[in-house]
Amino acid sequence: MKIKFKIALYYTVTATVLLVTFATLAYFLSVKERRQEFQDRLEYRARSVASVLEEGIRQETQLLKKLEETSFQDLYRESIVVYNHNNDVVYSSQRDTAISIKIDILKFIRRGGVYHFERDNLETVGIYHDKGKEPLVIIVSALDKYGLSFVASLRQILLIELAISVILLVGIAYLFARKMMQPVNRLVQEVNSINANNLQDNRVTITGKDEIASLGGNFNTMLQRLSNSFDLQKSFVSNASHELRTPLASMISQLQVTLSRSRTPEEYEQTLHSVLEDAENLSDLTNGLLQLAQSDMNQSQSLFRPVRIDELLLELPNLIKLKQKGSARVEINFGDIPDNEAMVTCNGNESLLKVLFLNLVDNACKFSPDNAAAVTIHTEPGQIVVAVRDNGIGIPAEEISKVFEPFYRAQNAAAMRGHGLGLSICKRIVGIHHGVISVEAKVGEGTTFEVRLPAVG
């Protein structure tokens, strides 16, 4: 069921229930008021009869005359019966249809004073009168013809009004629901017209300040993020394909030239060394792309466990020597490491953290003239701080904000071997560990990368 139909249905049902409740309440209050008013009339009539009988029952003609004088208003099918203390009928206005009252009821009236009951659509009131010469029980019965007719008419009017109201409510609710859903329908139409080809230019229209406008604004924000992601993906694919094509093209051209004619063993050996260098370059690039893909894993996809950062850093010198064939030097300064192991322990993925610090130290060694890197580690409340410093060429101030972008390389580093993936990998690894990475650099003096990771203790 569509939302607009649900809104119309809920509105109609709710309004109908309220109308039925109020109409039922008004009807029963009217019925109660009519009954009370008619009983008051019957009681007044009974007391009028009692006031006449205070002198005692003498002659029936005189009694009838006095009763007629007390008839201020007519009661339909009125019947009056008077009982003495022996429960004998001493007077009945209609002898052939006299009201038959049980002895128990007469005794109850004498104890309580007033008694109301209804029988055969006739409403009856009985009172006990003991102020005259003889105690009497007066029973007055009548049919509230006009009151019952009014109640029946009221019931019919309420039913007709409810039926008309429900019909009108259905129409009004549908119109209101359709009016309320127009912004949503417009939003759906605009969203359906957006695809990967026009994602950059198309946005949904935002009007007003209600929840629909807020939804449209959030959707536009999501579209902008998707557009940025697509642009980044396109740039990544373009740069990756370009970087992969360069060493492959170099290897193919060298092999084609070498095979074009016979060569001396020295020439073949020289060509193989050149091809090997290009293959190693291609392997580094492939590993970098693989690490970049792995760094996109979120925390739920990665195996996170407590990792001691100080112990992990101790493995770096051997790993760097293996990678750079023993020419690198790594100096590690542990500073004021606390005795509490939890303060130097991070909840993370050990493999990714190794890639993080290995890339930073490898870059530091590569850009330092003496192929050396200085690593320091210390703790702050709730944080593990690791700094990797080199004494190399530095980074121009205007390019510092771009060094973490994939395939970006500073202008003064163009002559160095690399592909511009290492720092972007580092930033993503730090991000999934809920940490922060920052850089400080000065051209000609060196660069320092600082990593802050949350400690478990």
Protein backbone atom coordinates (compact mmCIF):
# COMPACT_ATOMS: atom_id res chain seq x y z
CA MET A 1 0.00 0.00 0.00
CA LYS A 2 1.31 3.43 -0.91
CA ILE A 3 2.11 5.89 1.85
CA LYS A 4 -0.54 8.38 0.76
CA PHE A 5 -3.21 5.67 1.05
CA LYS A 6 -1.87 4.70 4.47
CA ILE A 7 -2.01 8.34 5.60
CA ALA A 8 -5.57 8.69 4.28
CA LEU A 9 -6.60 5.42 5.94
CA TYR A 10 -5.04 6.29 9.32
CA TYR A 11 -6.54 9.78 9.24
CA THR A 12 -10.01 8.48 8.31
CA VAL A 13 -9.99 5.70 10.91
CA THR A 14 -8.75 8.03 13.65
CA ALA A 15 -11.25 10.76 12.84
CA THR A 16 -14.07 8.22 12.52
CA VAL A 17 -13.28 6.68 15.90
CA LEU A 18 -13.30 10.14 17.48
CA LEU A 19 -16.57 11.08 15.81
CA VAL A 20 -18.23 7.80 16.83
CA THR A 21 -16.96 8.25 20.38
CA PHE A 22 -18.29 11.79 20.68
CA ALA A 23 -21.58 10.92 18.97
CA THR A 24 -22.08 7.89 21.24
CA LEU A 25 -21.27 9.99 24.28
CA ALA A 26 -23.71 12.72 23.20
CA TYR A 27 -26.42 10.12 22.52
CA PHE A 28 -26.10 8.36 25.87
CA LEU A 29 -25.93 11.66 27.75
CA SER A 30 -29.12 12.72 25.96
CA VAL A 31 -30.81 9.40 26.84
CA LYS A 32 -29.73 9.79 30.45
CA GLU A 33 -30.93 13.39 30.58
CA ARG A 34 -34.31 12.45 29.04
CA ARG A 35 -34.81 9.63 31.53
CA GLN A 36 -33.87 11.83 34.47
CA GLU A 37 -36.11 14.66 33.30
CA PHE A 38 -39.10 12.33 32.80
CA GLN A 39 -38.57 10.63 36.15
CA ASP A 40 -38.51 14.05 37.77
CA ARG A 41 -41.84 14.81 36.10
CA LEU A 42 -43.32 11.52 37.34
CA GLU A 43 -42.02 12.14 40.83
CA TYR A 44 -43.47 15.67 40.78
CA ARG A 45 -46.79 14.21 39.65
CA ALA A 46 -46.72 11.65 42.45
CA ARG A 47 -45.96 14.27 45.06
CA SER A 48 -48.80 16.44 43.68
CA VAL A 49 -51.16 13.52 44.17
CA ALA A 50 -49.77 12.98 47.66
CA SER A 51 -50.38 16.63 48.59
CA VAL A 52 -54.03 16.23 47.59
CA LEU A 53 -54.42 13.07 49.64
CA GLU A 54 -53.09 14.62 52.84
CA GLU A 55 -56.70 15.33 53.92
CA GLY A 56 -57.61 11.70 53.63
CA ILE A 57 -59.63 9.73 51.11
CA ARG A 58 -63.29 10.64 51.42
CA GLN A 59 -65.24 10.65 48.27
CA GLU A 60 -63.89 9.43 44.94
CA THR A 61 -65.54 12.23 42.99
CA GLN A 62 -63.94 14.87 45.13
CA LEU A 63 -60.55 13.13 44.82
CA LEU A 64 -60.82 12.91 41.04
CA LYS A 65 -61.71 16.56 40.86
CA LYS A 66 -58.75 17.61 42.96
CA LEU A 67 -56.42 15.36 40.93
CA GLU A 68 -57.63 16.94 37.72
CA GLU A 69 -56.85 20.34 39.19
CA THR A 70 -53.21 19.24 39.75
CA SER A 71 -52.73 18.13 36.11
CA PHE A 72 -50.47 20.97 34.99
CA GLN A 73 -49.23 18.95 32.02
CA ASP A 74 -50.45 15.83 30.25
CA LEU A 75 -48.59 12.52 30.59
CA TYR A 76 -49.14 10.03 27.81
CA ARG A 77 -50.79 6.79 29.02
CA GLU A 78 -50.63 8.04 32.57
CA SER A 79 -51.63 5.66 35.33
CA ILE A 80 -51.88 6.47 39.05
CA VAL A 81 -52.28 3.87 41.78
CA VAL A 82 -52.44 4.53 45.51
CA TYR A 83 -51.81 1.86 48.17
CA ASN A 84 -52.61 2.14 51.87
CA HIS A 85 -50.58 0.67 54.71
CA ASN A 86 -52.31 -2.70 54.18
CA ASN A 87 -51.07 -2.77 50.57
CA ASP A 88 -54.63 -2.39 49.32
CA VAL A 89 -55.37 -0.25 46.27
CA VAL A 90 -57.36 2.72 47.51
CA TYR A 91 -57.29 4.53 44.19
CA SER A 92 -56.48 3.73 40.56
CA SER A 93 -56.88 6.16 37.69
CA GLN A 94 -57.45 3.25 35.31
CA ARG A 95 -59.12 0.42 37.07
CA ASP A 96 -59.04 -1.95 34.13
CA THR A 97 -55.27 -1.49 33.64
CA ALA A 98 -54.13 -0.88 37.17
CA ILE A 99 -50.43 -1.20 37.84
CA SER A 100 -49.62 -4.43 39.63
CA ILE A 101 -46.84 -3.87 42.18
CA LYS A 102 -45.24 -6.62 44.21
CA ILE A 103 -45.37 -6.48 47.97
CA ASP A 104 -41.56 -6.44 48.18
CA ILE A 105 -41.41 -3.31 46.06
CA LEU A 106 -44.03 -1.60 48.22
CA LYS A 107 -41.99 -2.46 51.32
CA PHE A 108 -38.87 -1.12 49.63
CA ILE A 109 -40.64 2.15 48.77
CA ARG A 110 -41.76 2.55 52.38
CA ARG A 111 -38.12 2.11 53.51
CA GLY A 112 -36.43 4.23 50.80
CA GLY A 113 -38.99 6.85 50.05
CA VAL A 114 -38.63 6.91 46.22
CA TYR A 115 -38.36 4.08 43.72
CA HIS A 116 -37.80 4.24 39.94
CA PHE A 117 -38.20 1.38 37.47
CA GLU A 118 -39.19 0.75 33.85
CA ARG A 119 -41.52 -1.93 32.49
CA ASP A 120 -43.10 -2.45 29.08
CA ASN A 121 -41.73 0.93 27.85
CA LEU A 122 -43.57 2.56 30.73
CA GLU A 123 -41.51 4.44 33.26
CA THR A 124 -42.75 4.27 36.83
CA VAL A 125 -42.04 6.24 39.99
CA GLY A 126 -43.20 5.24 43.44
CA ILE A 127 -43.03 7.46 46.53
CA TYR A 128 -43.96 6.97 50.16
CA HIS A 129 -46.10 9.67 51.76
CA ASP A 130 -46.67 9.58 55.52
CA LYS A 131 -47.53 13.20 56.26
CA GLY A 132 -51.29 12.86 55.97
CA LYS A 133 -53.86 11.10 58.12
CA GLU A 134 -52.98 7.79 56.51
CA PRO A 135 -49.52 6.66 55.14
CA LEU A 136 -49.80 5.97 51.44
CA VAL A 137 -47.65 4.66 48.56
CA ILE A 138 -48.32 6.54 45.32
CA ILE A 139 -47.28 4.90 42.03
CA VAL A 140 -47.30 7.02 38.86
CA SER A 141 -46.58 5.44 35.47
CA ALA A 142 -46.49 7.00 31.98
CA LEU A 143 -44.88 6.75 28.55
CA ASP A 144 -42.45 9.53 27.56
CA LYS A 145 -43.76 9.71 24.04
CA TYR A 146 -42.10 12.99 23.06
CA GLY A 147 -38.83 12.23 24.86
CA LEU A 148 -38.47 8.82 23.22
CA SER A 149 -39.36 10.33 19.87
CA PHE A 150 -36.67 12.97 20.39
CA VAL A 151 -34.09 10.30 21.27
CA ALA A 152 -35.01 8.23 18.20
CA SER A 153 -34.73 11.31 16.01
CA LEU A 154 -31.38 12.18 17.61
CA ARG A 155 -30.10 8.65 16.96
CA GLN A 156 -31.15 8.83 13.33
CA ILE A 157 -29.57 12.26 12.87
CA LEU A 158 -26.29 11.13 14.45
CA LEU A 159 -26.13 8.03 12.22
CA ILE A 160 -26.76 10.10 9.09
CA GLU A 161 -24.18 12.69 10.16
CA LEU A 162 -21.62 9.95 10.88
CA ALA A 163 -22.17 8.37 7.46
CA ILE A 164 -21.81 11.72 5.69
CA SER A 165 -18.80 12.64 7.84
CA VAL A 166 -17.00 9.38 7.02
CA ILE A 167 -17.57 9.90 3.30
CA LEU A 168 -16.25 13.47 3.54
CA LEU A 169 -13.32 12.34 5.70
CA VAL A 170 -12.27 9.77 3.10
CA GLY A 171 -12.21 12.42 0.38
CA ILE A 172 -10.53 15.08 2.52
CA ALA A 173 -7.97 12.60 3.87
CA TYR A 174 -7.06 11.48 0.35
CA LEU A 175 -6.64 15.07 -0.83
CA PHE A 176 -4.53 15.98 2.20
CA ALA A 177 -2.40 12.84 1.85
CA ARG A 178 -1.83 13.47 -1.85
CA LYS A 179 -0.90 17.08 -1.10
CA MET A 180 1.51 15.98 1.63
CA MET A 181 3.13 13.37 -0.60
CA GLN A 182 3.68 15.69 -3.57
CA PRO A 183 7.18 16.74 -2.38
CA VAL A 184 8.08 13.07 -1.87
CA ASN A 185 6.78 12.13 -5.33
CA ARG A 186 8.74 14.99 -6.85
CA LEU A 187 11.83 13.85 -4.95
CA VAL A 188 11.36 10.28 -6.22
CA GLN A 189 11.01 11.50 -9.81
CA GLU A 190 14.15 13.61 -9.54
CA VAL A 191 16.08 10.74 -7.96
CA ASN A 192 14.99 8.36 -10.73
CA SER A 193 16.39 10.76 -13.32
CA ILE A 194 19.87 10.70 -11.73
CA ASN A 195 22.38 8.13 -12.93
CA ALA A 196 26.14 7.70 -13.16
CA ASN A 197 26.29 9.83 -16.32
CA ASN A 198 24.65 12.96 -14.87
CA LEU A 199 25.59 12.47 -11.20
CA GLN A 200 27.93 15.45 -11.23
CA ASP A 201 25.37 17.99 -12.46
CA ASN A 202 22.00 16.80 -11.14
CA ARG A 203 20.73 17.50 -7.65
CA VAL A 204 17.27 17.27 -6.11
CA THR A 205 15.27 20.46 -5.60
CA ILE A 206 14.99 21.61 -1.99
CA THR A 207 12.06 23.82 -0.88
CA GLY A 208 10.78 24.63 2.57
CA LYS A 209 12.19 23.77 5.96
CA ASP A 210 10.35 20.55 6.80
CA GLU A 211 11.54 16.94 7.04
CA ILE A 212 11.24 16.44 3.27
CA ALA A 213 13.59 19.36 2.68
CA SER A 214 15.99 17.88 5.22
CA LEU A 215 15.81 14.55 3.39
CA GLY A 216 16.51 16.29 0.09
CA GLY A 217 19.51 18.09 1.60
CA ASN A 218 20.91 14.83 2.98
CA PHE A 219 20.36 13.16 -0.38
CA ASN A 220 22.24 15.94 -2.15
CA THR A 221 25.09 15.50 0.32
CA MET A 222 25.12 11.77 -0.42
CA LEU A 223 25.13 12.47 -4.17
CA GLN A 224 28.10 14.80 -3.74
CA ARG A 225 29.98 12.12 -1.83
CA LEU A 226 29.17 9.57 -4.50
CA SER A 227 30.32 11.99 -7.18
CA ASN A 228 33.57 12.57 -5.33
CA SER A 229 34.04 8.82 -4.91
CA PHE A 230 33.42 8.20 -8.61
CA ASP A 231 35.86 10.96 -9.56
CA LEU A 232 38.44 9.50 -7.20
CA GLN A 233 37.85 6.04 -8.63
CA LYS A 234 38.21 7.28 -12.20
CA SER A 235 41.39 9.12 -11.26
CA PHE A 236 42.72 6.05 -9.49
CA VAL A 237 42.01 3.75 -12.45
CA SER A 238 43.52 6.23 -14.89
CA ASN A 239 46.66 6.75 -12.81
CA ALA A 240 47.02 3.05 -12.01
CA SER A 241 46.71 2.04 -15.65
CA HIS A 242 49.24 4.72 -16.63
CA GLU A 243 51.71 3.63 -13.96
CA LEU A 244 51.33 -0.03 -14.90
CA ARG A 245 51.69 0.66 -18.60
CA THR A 246 54.99 2.53 -18.23
CA PRO A 247 57.17 -0.34 -16.87
CA LEU A 248 55.41 -2.88 -19.10
CA ALA A 249 56.05 -0.75 -22.18
CA SER A 250 59.70 -0.32 -21.16
CA MET A 251 60.17 -4.06 -20.66
CA ILE A 252 58.48 -4.93 -23.97
CA SER A 253 60.49 -2.35 -25.95
CA GLN A 254 63.82 -3.48 -24.43
CA LEU A 255 63.07 -7.12 -25.18
CA GLN A 256 61.95 -6.33 -28.74
CA VAL A 257 65.12 -4.34 -29.42
CA THR A 258 67.30 -7.07 -27.92
CA LEU A 259 65.63 -9.79 -29.97
CA SER A 260 65.81 -7.82 -33.21
CA ARG A 261 69.35 -9.19 -33.83
CA SER A 262 71.95 -11.31 -32.17
CA ARG A 263 73.67 -9.77 -29.15
CA THR A 264 76.78 -10.41 -27.15
CA PRO A 265 76.43 -12.06 -23.72
CA GLU A 266 77.29 -8.73 -22.09
CA GLU A 267 74.50 -6.97 -23.99
CA TYR A 268 72.01 -9.70 -23.04
CA GLU A 269 73.08 -9.42 -19.40
CA GLN A 270 72.69 -5.62 -19.49
CA THR A 271 69.21 -5.97 -20.99
CA LEU A 272 68.19 -8.54 -18.38
CA HIS A 273 69.35 -6.25 -15.57
CA SER A 274 67.31 -3.38 -17.04
CA VAL A 275 64.25 -5.60 -17.45
CA LEU A 276 64.71 -6.89 -13.90
CA GLU A 277 64.74 -3.33 -12.60
CA ASP A 278 61.51 -2.58 -14.48
CA ALA A 279 59.98 -5.83 -13.17
CA GLU A 280 60.92 -4.89 -9.61
CA ASN A 281 59.38 -1.45 -10.21
CA LEU A 282 56.24 -3.16 -11.51
CA SER A 283 56.20 -5.48 -8.49
CA ASP A 284 56.47 -2.50 -6.11
CA LEU A 285 53.61 -0.78 -7.90
CA THR A 286 51.44 -3.93 -7.78
CA ASN A 287 52.15 -4.40 -4.08
CA GLY A 288 51.30 -0.76 -3.49
CA LEU A 289 47.96 -1.12 -5.28
CA LEU A 290 47.24 -4.29 -3.31
CA GLN A 291 48.03 -2.54 -0.03
CA LEU A 292 45.83 0.39 -1.07
CA ALA A 293 42.95 -2.01 -1.71
CA GLN A 294 43.53 -3.78 1.60
CA SER A 295 43.61 -0.45 3.44
CA ASP A 296 40.04 0.21 2.26
CA MET A 297 38.77 -2.59 4.48
CA ASN A 298 36.70 -1.35 7.38
CA GLN A 299 37.14 -2.44 10.95
CA SER A 300 34.46 -5.12 10.77
CA GLN A 301 36.26 -6.79 7.83
CA SER A 302 39.70 -6.61 9.47
CA LEU A 303 40.99 -8.86 12.22
CA PHE A 304 41.49 -6.47 15.12
CA ARG A 305 43.32 -7.50 18.26
CA PRO A 306 45.61 -5.81 20.82
CA VAL A 307 48.96 -4.91 19.21
CA ARG A 308 51.96 -3.53 21.13
CA ILE A 309 53.28 -0.68 19.03
CA ASP A 310 56.71 -0.61 20.71
CA GLU A 311 57.32 -4.26 19.88
CA LEU A 312 56.10 -3.73 16.33
CA LEU A 313 58.57 -0.85 15.84
CA LEU A 314 61.44 -3.07 16.96
CA GLU A 315 60.88 -5.21 13.84
CA LEU A 316 61.26 -2.26 11.46
CA PRO A 317 65.09 -2.16 11.16
CA ASN A 318 65.29 -5.74 9.90
CA LEU A 319 62.29 -5.30 7.58
CA ILE A 320 63.79 -2.13 6.04
CA LYS A 321 67.20 -3.78 5.55
CA LEU A 322 65.54 -6.67 3.72
CA LYS A 323 63.56 -4.27 1.52
CA GLN A 324 66.47 -1.98 0.72
CA LYS A 325 69.11 -4.73 0.67
CA GLY A 326 70.87 -3.66 3.87
CA SER A 327 71.59 -0.03 2.97
CA ALA A 328 69.06 1.60 5.33
CA ARG A 329 69.54 2.69 8.94
CA VAL A 330 66.71 3.09 11.41
CA GLU A 331 67.18 4.73 14.81
CA ILE A 332 64.40 4.09 17.31
CA ASN A 333 63.99 6.24 20.44
CA PHE A 334 61.45 4.85 22.91
CA GLY A 335 61.36 7.94 25.13
CA ASP A 336 59.39 7.60 28.33
CA ILE A 337 57.62 4.29 27.73
CA PRO A 338 55.36 3.55 30.75
CA ASP A 339 55.38 0.27 32.63
CA ASN A 340 51.68 -0.22 31.87
CA GLU A 341 51.60 -2.25 28.64
CA ALA A 342 48.04 -1.07 27.86
CA MET A 343 49.31 2.48 27.32
CA VAL A 344 51.44 1.34 24.32
CA THR A 345 48.89 -1.19 23.04
CA CYS A 346 46.48 -0.39 20.20
CA ASN A 347 43.46 -2.43 19.17
CA GLY A 348 44.18 -2.94 15.48
CA ASN A 349 45.26 -5.11 12.57
CA GLU A 350 48.93 -6.03 12.99
CA SER A 351 49.57 -6.55 9.27
CA LEU A 352 48.15 -3.15 8.32
CA LEU A 353 50.05 -1.42 11.13
CA LYS A 354 53.29 -2.97 9.84
CA VAL A 355 52.50 -1.64 6.37
CA LEU A 356 51.83 1.79 7.89
CA PHE A 357 55.13 2.18 9.71
CA LEU A 358 57.15 0.32 7.06
CA ASN A 359 55.96 2.77 4.39
CA LEU A 360 56.75 5.79 6.57
CA VAL A 361 60.24 4.53 7.48
CA ASP A 362 60.95 3.43 3.89
CA ASN A 363 60.04 6.90 2.62
CA ALA A 364 62.21 8.53 5.31
CA CYS A 365 65.21 6.39 4.38
CA LYS A 366 64.64 6.93 0.66
CA PHE A 367 64.55 10.73 0.94
CA SER A 368 67.42 11.06 3.45
CA PRO A 369 70.90 11.55 1.93
CA ASP A 370 72.38 9.08 4.44
CA ASN A 371 69.49 6.61 3.94
CA ALA A 372 68.54 6.93 7.62
CA ALA A 373 65.30 7.44 9.50
CA ALA A 374 64.67 8.47 13.12
CA VAL A 375 61.64 6.97 14.87
CA THR A 376 60.40 8.11 18.28
CA ILE A 377 57.53 6.81 20.36
CA HIS A 378 55.92 8.26 23.47
CA THR A 379 52.54 8.21 25.15
CA GLU A 380 49.93 10.81 25.99
CA PRO A 381 46.66 10.28 27.89
CA GLY A 382 44.76 7.71 25.82
CA GLN A 383 47.11 7.99 22.83
CA ILE A 384 50.25 6.39 21.37
CA VAL A 385 52.33 8.92 19.44
CA VAL A 386 54.89 7.73 16.84
CA ALA A 387 57.00 10.21 14.85
CA VAL A 388 59.11 9.30 11.79
CA ARG A 389 61.66 11.93 10.75
CA ASP A 390 64.09 12.24 7.84
CA ASN A 391 66.72 14.84 6.97
CA GLY A 392 65.92 14.92 3.29
CA ILE A 393 64.58 17.40 0.76
CA GLY A 394 61.37 18.28 2.64
CA ILE A 395 57.98 19.16 1.13
CA PRO A 396 56.92 22.59 -0.17
CA ALA A 397 54.30 24.18 2.10
CA GLU A 398 51.75 24.53 -0.71
CA GLU A 399 51.93 20.78 -1.46
CA ILE A 400 51.71 19.39 2.08
CA SER A 401 47.88 19.10 1.91
CA LYS A 402 48.12 16.93 -1.24
CA VAL A 403 50.76 14.40 -0.23
CA PHE A 404 48.14 11.90 1.03
CA GLU A 405 46.31 11.76 -2.32
CA PRO A 406 46.87 8.56 -4.38
CA PHE A 407 49.59 8.90 -7.07
CA TYR A 408 50.44 12.44 -6.02
CA ARG A 409 54.14 13.25 -5.79
CA ALA A 410 55.72 16.54 -4.79
CA GLN A 411 57.55 18.36 -7.54
CA ASN A 412 60.91 18.14 -5.78
CA ALA A 413 60.47 14.34 -5.47
CA ALA A 414 59.87 13.60 -9.14
CA ALA A 415 63.42 12.28 -9.58
CA MET A 416 62.99 9.77 -6.73
CA ARG A 417 61.76 6.26 -7.40
CA GLY A 418 58.14 5.78 -6.35
CA HIS A 419 54.52 5.88 -7.40
CA GLY A 420 52.83 8.18 -4.85
CA LEU A 421 50.83 5.41 -3.15
CA GLY A 422 52.63 4.96 0.16
CA LEU A 423 51.28 7.99 2.02
CA SER A 424 47.70 7.48 0.81
CA ILE A 425 47.93 3.90 2.10
CA CYS A 426 49.23 5.20 5.43
CA LYS A 427 46.37 7.69 5.78
CA ARG A 428 43.73 5.05 5.12
CA ILE A 429 45.27 2.60 7.58
CA VAL A 430 45.40 5.29 10.27
CA GLY A 431 41.78 6.19 9.49
CA ILE A 432 40.40 2.68 10.00
CA HIS A 433 42.27 2.54 13.33
CA HIS A 434 40.52 5.79 14.38
CA GLY A 435 43.84 7.61 14.55
CA VAL A 436 45.32 10.80 13.10
CA ILE A 437 48.34 11.33 10.85
CA SER A 438 49.95 14.74 10.33
CA VAL A 439 53.06 16.06 8.61
CA GLU A 440 55.50 18.87 9.23
CA ALA A 441 58.13 19.69 6.63
CA LYS A 442 60.63 22.34 5.67
CA VAL A 443 62.29 22.37 2.26
CA GLY A 444 65.93 21.37 2.49
CA GLU A 445 65.74 20.35 6.15
CA GLY A 446 63.51 17.27 6.24
CA THR A 447 60.03 15.97 6.99
CA THR A 448 58.37 14.54 10.10
CA PHE A 449 55.24 12.36 9.99
CA GLU A 450 53.38 11.95 13.28
CA VAL A 451 50.87 9.14 13.88
CA ARG A 452 48.49 9.17 16.84
CA LEU A 453 46.68 5.94 17.65
CA PRO A 454 44.16 5.32 20.47
CA ALA A 455 45.56 3.21 23.30
CA VAL A 456 43.49 0.49 24.95
CA GLY A 457 44.47 1.65 28.46
